[in-house]
C-alpha atoms as a PDB file:
ATOM      1  CA  GLN A   1       1.313  71.773  88.365  1.00  0.00           C
ATOM      2  CA  VAL A   2       1.024  75.040  89.373  1.00  0.00           C
ATOM      3  CA  TYR A   3       2.692  78.023  87.921  1.00  0.00           C
ATOM      4  CA  LEU A   4       2.926  81.575  88.597  1.00  0.00           C
ATOM      5  CA  VAL A   5       4.943  83.575  85.895  1.00  0.00           C
ATOM      6  CA  GLU A   6       5.656  87.519  86.500  1.00  0.00           C
ATOM      7  CA  SER A   7       6.240  89.959  83.777  1.00  0.00           C
ATOM      8  CA  GLY A   8       6.543  93.624  83.115  1.00  0.00           C
ATOM      9  CA  GLY A   9       9.313  94.631  85.191  1.00  0.00           C
ATOM     10  CA  GLY A  10      12.036  97.070  83.774  1.00  0.00           C
ATOM     11  CA  SER A  11      14.027 100.104  84.631  1.00  0.00           C
ATOM     12  CA  VAL A  12      12.296 103.259  84.835  1.00  0.00           C
ATOM     13  CA  GLN A  13      12.886 106.833  85.835  1.00  0.00           C
ATOM     14  CA  ALA A  14      11.467 108.310  88.954  1.00  0.00           C
ATOM     15  CA  GLY A  15       7.976 109.439  88.321  1.00  0.00           C
ATOM     16  CA  GLY A  16       7.631 106.787  85.745  1.00  0.00           C
ATOM     17  CA  SER A  17       5.219 103.958  85.399  1.00  0.00           C
ATOM     18  CA  LEU A  18       5.209 100.155  84.896  1.00  0.00           C
ATOM     19  CA  ARG A  19       2.192  97.381  84.711  1.00  0.00           C
ATOM     20  CA  LEU A  20       3.163  93.957  86.210  1.00  0.00           C
ATOM     21  CA  SER A  21       1.488  90.835  85.168  1.00  0.00           C
ATOM     22  CA  CYS A  22       1.585  87.437  87.021  1.00  0.00           C
ATOM     23  CA  ARG A  23      -0.081  84.785  84.846  1.00  0.00           C
ATOM     24  CA  THR A  24      -1.252  81.658  86.573  1.00  0.00           C
ATOM     25  CA  SER A  25      -2.068  78.181  85.959  1.00  0.00           C
ATOM     26  CA  GLY A  26      -3.123  74.856  87.465  1.00  0.00           C
ATOM     27  CA  ILE A  27      -5.227  76.596  89.938  1.00  0.00           C
ATOM     28  CA  ASN A  28      -8.805  77.620  90.242  1.00  0.00           C
ATOM     29  CA  PHE A  29      -7.620  81.312  89.972  1.00  0.00           C
ATOM     30  CA  LYS A  30     -10.802  83.025  90.730  1.00  0.00           C
ATOM     31  CA  ILE A  31     -11.211  81.583  94.260  1.00  0.00           C
ATOM     32  CA  HIS A  32      -7.736  82.554  95.285  1.00  0.00           C
ATOM     33  CA  ARG A  33      -6.701  85.931  97.171  1.00  0.00           C
ATOM     34  CA  MET A  34      -3.696  86.983  95.286  1.00  0.00           C
ATOM     35  CA  ASN A  35      -0.527  88.722  96.628  1.00  0.00           C
ATOM     36  CA  TRP A  36       2.357  90.954  95.271  1.00  0.00           C
ATOM     37  CA  TYR A  37       5.321  91.137  97.466  1.00  0.00           C
ATOM     38  CA  ARG A  38       8.864  92.674  96.639  1.00  0.00           C
ATOM     39  CA  GLN A  39      12.412  92.345  98.013  1.00  0.00           C
ATOM     40  CA  ALA A  40      15.230  94.758  97.986  1.00  0.00           C
ATOM     41  CA  ALA A  41      18.699  93.906  97.892  1.00  0.00           C
ATOM     42  CA  GLY A  42      19.830  92.554 101.437  1.00  0.00           C
ATOM     43  CA  LYS A  43      16.206  93.392 102.699  1.00  0.00           C
ATOM     44  CA  GLN A  44      13.231  90.913 103.682  1.00  0.00           C
ATOM     45  CA  ARG A  45      10.251  90.171 101.253  1.00  0.00           C
ATOM     46  CA  ASP A  46       7.396  92.282 102.069  1.00  0.00           C
ATOM     47  CA  LEU A  47       3.483  92.243 101.059  1.00  0.00           C
ATOM     48  CA  VAL A  48       2.911  95.571  98.781  1.00  0.00           C
ATOM     49  CA  ALA A  49      -0.712  94.562  97.556  1.00  0.00           C
ATOM     50  CA  SER A  50      -3.305  91.943  98.003  1.00  0.00           C
ATOM     51  CA  ILE A  51      -6.942  91.443  96.227  1.00  0.00           C
ATOM     52  CA  SER A  52      -9.292  88.750  97.372  1.00  0.00           C
ATOM     53  CA  SER A  53     -11.797  86.994  95.449  1.00  0.00           C
ATOM     54  CA  ASP A  54     -14.319  89.239  95.835  1.00  0.00           C
ATOM     55  CA  GLY A  55     -12.057  91.967  94.397  1.00  0.00           C
ATOM     56  CA  SER A  56     -11.104  93.189  98.003  1.00  0.00           C
ATOM     57  CA  THR A  57      -7.928  95.079  97.992  1.00  0.00           C
ATOM     58  CA  ASN A  58      -5.005  96.025 100.483  1.00  0.00           C
ATOM     59  CA  TYR A  59      -1.984  97.869 100.182  1.00  0.00           C
ATOM     60  CA  THR A  60       1.085  98.746 102.226  1.00  0.00           C
ATOM     61  CA  ASP A  61       1.055 102.408 103.285  1.00  0.00           C
ATOM     62  CA  SER A  62       4.076 103.142 101.297  1.00  0.00           C
ATOM     63  CA  VAL A  63       2.411 102.433  97.951  1.00  0.00           C
ATOM     64  CA  LYS A  64      -1.318 103.575  98.511  1.00  0.00           C
ATOM     65  CA  GLY A  65      -2.469 105.965  95.963  1.00  0.00           C
ATOM     66  CA  ARG A  66       0.474 105.073  93.720  1.00  0.00           C
ATOM     67  CA  PHE A  67       0.174 101.425  93.075  1.00  0.00           C
ATOM     68  CA  THR A  68      -3.255  99.489  92.155  1.00  0.00           C
ATOM     69  CA  ILE A  69      -3.880  95.733  92.020  1.00  0.00           C
ATOM     70  CA  SER A  70      -6.412  94.006  89.831  1.00  0.00           C
ATOM     71  CA  ARG A  71      -7.320  90.853  88.356  1.00  0.00           C
ATOM     72  CA  ASP A  72      -8.941  89.132  85.477  1.00  0.00           C
ATOM     73  CA  ASN A  73     -10.374  85.870  86.314  1.00  0.00           C
ATOM     74  CA  ALA A  74     -10.795  85.060  82.548  1.00  0.00           C
ATOM     75  CA  ARG A  75      -7.248  85.341  81.720  1.00  0.00           C
ATOM     76  CA  ASN A  76      -6.297  83.756  85.282  1.00  0.00           C
ATOM     77  CA  THR A  77      -3.941  86.997  85.734  1.00  0.00           C
ATOM     78  CA  VAL A  78      -3.503  89.712  88.096  1.00  0.00           C
ATOM     79  CA  TYR A  79      -1.873  92.720  87.910  1.00  0.00           C
ATOM     80  CA  LEU A  80      -0.036  95.815  89.387  1.00  0.00           C
ATOM     81  CA  GLN A  81      -0.422  99.090  87.941  1.00  0.00           C
ATOM     82  CA  MET A  82       2.748 101.113  89.384  1.00  0.00           C
ATOM     83  CA  ASN A  83       2.505 104.924  88.742  1.00  0.00           C
ATOM     84  CA  ALA A  84       4.800 107.798  90.269  1.00  0.00           C
ATOM     85  CA  LEU A  85       7.537 105.517  90.845  1.00  0.00           C
ATOM     86  CA  LYS A  86      10.168 106.245  93.630  1.00  0.00           C
ATOM     87  CA  PRO A  87      13.845 104.916  93.796  1.00  0.00           C
ATOM     88  CA  GLU A  88      12.773 103.253  96.912  1.00  0.00           C
ATOM     89  CA  ASP A  89      10.402 101.039  94.898  1.00  0.00           C
ATOM     90  CA  THR A  90      13.520  99.083  93.480  1.00  0.00           C
ATOM     91  CA  ALA A  91      13.193  95.358  93.934  1.00  0.00           C
ATOM     92  CA  GLY A  92      12.243  92.357  92.808  1.00  0.00           C
ATOM     93  CA  TYR A  93       8.607  91.886  92.534  1.00  0.00           C
ATOM     94  CA  TYR A  94       6.953  88.350  93.279  1.00  0.00           C
ATOM     95  CA  CYS A  95       3.407  86.811  92.808  1.00  0.00           C
ATOM     96  CA  HIS A  96       2.083  84.848  95.712  1.00  0.00           C
ATOM     97  CA  LEU A  97      -0.876  82.824  96.598  1.00  0.00           C
ATOM     98  CA  THR A  98      -1.573  79.881  99.292  1.00  0.00           C
ATOM     99  CA  TRP A  99      -2.690  76.934  97.772  1.00  0.00           C
ATOM    100  CA  ARG A 100      -3.425  73.960  99.603  1.00  0.00           C
ATOM    101  CA  SER A 101      -1.531  75.457 102.860  1.00  0.00           C
ATOM    102  CA  SER A 102       1.541  76.016 100.751  1.00  0.00           C
ATOM    103  CA  ASN A 103       2.937  79.261  99.586  1.00  0.00           C
ATOM    104  CA  LEU A 104       3.460  79.341  96.032  1.00  0.00           C
ATOM    105  CA  TRP A 105       5.602  82.000  94.094  1.00  0.00           C
ATOM    106  CA  GLY A 106       6.601  83.294  91.026  1.00  0.00           C
ATOM    107  CA  ARG A 107      10.186  83.821  89.958  1.00  0.00           C
ATOM    108  CA  GLY A 108       9.810  87.325  90.244  1.00  0.00           C
ATOM    109  CA  THR A 109      10.507  90.409  87.776  1.00  0.00           C
ATOM    110  CA  GLN A 110      12.721  93.017  88.742  1.00  0.00           C
ATOM    111  CA  VAL A 111      11.905  96.921  89.045  1.00  0.00           C
ATOM    112  CA  THR A 112      14.463  99.414  89.260  1.00  0.00           C
ATOM    113  CA  VAL A 113      13.764 103.128  89.837  1.00  0.00           C
ATOM    114  CA  SER A 114      16.458 105.584  89.123  1.00  0.00           C
ATOM    115  CA  SER A 115      16.495 109.049  90.171  1.00  0.00           C
END
């Protein structure tokens, strides 16, 4: 069975930093593109950052220069380093991958940024 477990969320003031982790099991982690999504209250879930199996990264414009996605294939874990956080970054953050044509999600971790 495939598991994705996020951690690292919390409450910070604007300008602060958090590092999210998503630990996976049950998959050949190193071959998969890994994604971080976020969903604010009452809004749709949007892609924040993505990292391919070869380490290529992509970011939504609103987080470029502030967030960094990375992966550790030895630990089957993907990270999201979030710096210079803003109140508008407040959301549930979800780890995602596509596995055998299915979308797999973790339960998410909440990030709250106060002004």
